[in-house]
């Protein structure tokens, strides 16, 4: 999973294709794919960070 995320970080156009549902991640469940795409969503990441 980490290798896949690192690959997507190096190839941001693939993230766009995944968000547009023009590509898919084989062997990844829908829930896992949503979590991966959410990790690339800047608005989601900045809102979900809580520091104590």
C-alpha atoms as a PDB file:
ATOM      1  CA  UNK A   1       0.000   0.000   0.000  1.00  0.00           C
ATOM      2  CA  UNK A   2       2.816   2.415   0.885  1.00  0.00           C
ATOM      3  CA  UNK A   3       4.515   1.756  -2.454  1.00  0.00           C
ATOM      4  CA  UNK A   4       1.255   2.572  -4.248  1.00  0.00           C
ATOM      5  CA  UNK A   5       0.895   5.878  -2.395  1.00  0.00           C
ATOM      6  CA  UNK A   6       4.516   6.781  -3.126  1.00  0.00           C
ATOM      7  CA  UNK A   7       3.922   6.008  -6.801  1.00  0.00           C
ATOM      8  CA  UNK A   8       0.826   8.217  -6.836  1.00  0.00           C
ATOM      9  CA  UNK A   9       2.803  11.026  -5.193  1.00  0.00           C
ATOM     10  CA  UNK A  10       5.293  10.834  -8.052  1.00  0.00           C
ATOM     11  CA  UNK A  11       2.501  10.672 -10.661  1.00  0.00           C
ATOM     12  CA  UNK A  12      -0.203  13.176  -9.664  1.00  0.00           C
ATOM     13  CA  UNK A  13      -1.977  12.840 -13.021  1.00  0.00           C
ATOM     14  CA  UNK A  14      -2.989   9.337 -11.971  1.00  0.00           C
ATOM     15  CA  UNK A  15      -4.633  10.754  -8.854  1.00  0.00           C
ATOM     16  CA  UNK A  16      -6.704  12.996 -11.094  1.00  0.00           C
ATOM     17  CA  UNK A  17      -7.710  10.033 -13.258  1.00  0.00           C
ATOM     18  CA  UNK A  18      -8.698   8.061 -10.163  1.00  0.00           C
ATOM     19  CA  UNK A  19     -10.830  10.939  -8.882  1.00  0.00           C
ATOM     20  CA  UNK A  20     -12.543  11.200 -12.276  1.00  0.00           C
ATOM     21  CA  UNK A  21     -13.109   7.401 -12.215  1.00  0.00           C
ATOM     22  CA  UNK A  22     -11.145   7.018 -15.452  1.00  0.00           C
ATOM     23  CA  UNK A  23      -8.690   4.653 -13.740  1.00  0.00           C
ATOM     24  CA  UNK A  24      -8.858   2.154 -10.913  1.00  0.00           C
ATOM     25  CA  UNK A  25      -6.528   0.479  -8.465  1.00  0.00           C
ATOM     26  CA  UNK A  26      -6.596  -3.285  -8.949  1.00  0.00           C
ATOM     27  CA  UNK A  27      -6.622  -5.236  -5.719  1.00  0.00           C
ATOM     28  CA  UNK A  28      -7.795  -2.255  -3.645  1.00  0.00           C
ATOM     29  CA  UNK A  29     -11.259  -2.150  -2.115  1.00  0.00           C
ATOM     30  CA  UNK A  30     -13.526   0.840  -2.683  1.00  0.00           C
ATOM     31  CA  UNK A  31     -13.034   1.918   0.929  1.00  0.00           C
ATOM     32  CA  UNK A  32      -9.238   1.716   0.632  1.00  0.00           C
ATOM     33  CA  UNK A  33      -9.317   3.662  -2.628  1.00  0.00           C
ATOM     34  CA  UNK A  34     -11.448   6.376  -1.016  1.00  0.00           C
ATOM     35  CA  UNK A  35      -8.981   6.620   1.867  1.00  0.00           C
ATOM     36  CA  UNK A  36      -6.060   6.910  -0.549  1.00  0.00           C
ATOM     37  CA  UNK A  37      -7.797   9.618  -2.590  1.00  0.00           C
ATOM     38  CA  UNK A  38      -8.802  11.480   0.582  1.00  0.00           C
ATOM     39  CA  UNK A  39      -5.147  11.550   1.591  1.00  0.00           C
ATOM     40  CA  UNK A  40      -4.400  13.477  -1.612  1.00  0.00           C
ATOM     41  CA  UNK A  41      -7.252  15.947  -1.032  1.00  0.00           C
ATOM     42  CA  UNK A  42      -5.601  19.059   0.441  1.00  0.00           C
ATOM     43  CA  UNK A  43      -8.838  20.449   1.903  1.00  0.00           C
ATOM     44  CA  UNK A  44      -9.592  17.171   3.654  1.00  0.00           C
ATOM     45  CA  UNK A  45      -6.071  16.873   5.061  1.00  0.00           C
ATOM     46  CA  UNK A  46      -5.877  20.421   6.381  1.00  0.00           C
ATOM     47  CA  UNK A  47      -9.270  20.161   8.081  1.00  0.00           C
ATOM     48  CA  UNK A  48      -8.609  16.782   9.664  1.00  0.00           C
ATOM     49  CA  UNK A  49      -5.325  17.718  11.346  1.00  0.00           C
ATOM     50  CA  UNK A  50      -5.773  18.238  15.061  1.00  0.00           C
ATOM     51  CA  UNK A  51      -2.811  19.127  17.225  1.00  0.00           C
ATOM     52  CA  UNK A  52      -2.827  18.757  20.983  1.00  0.00           C
END
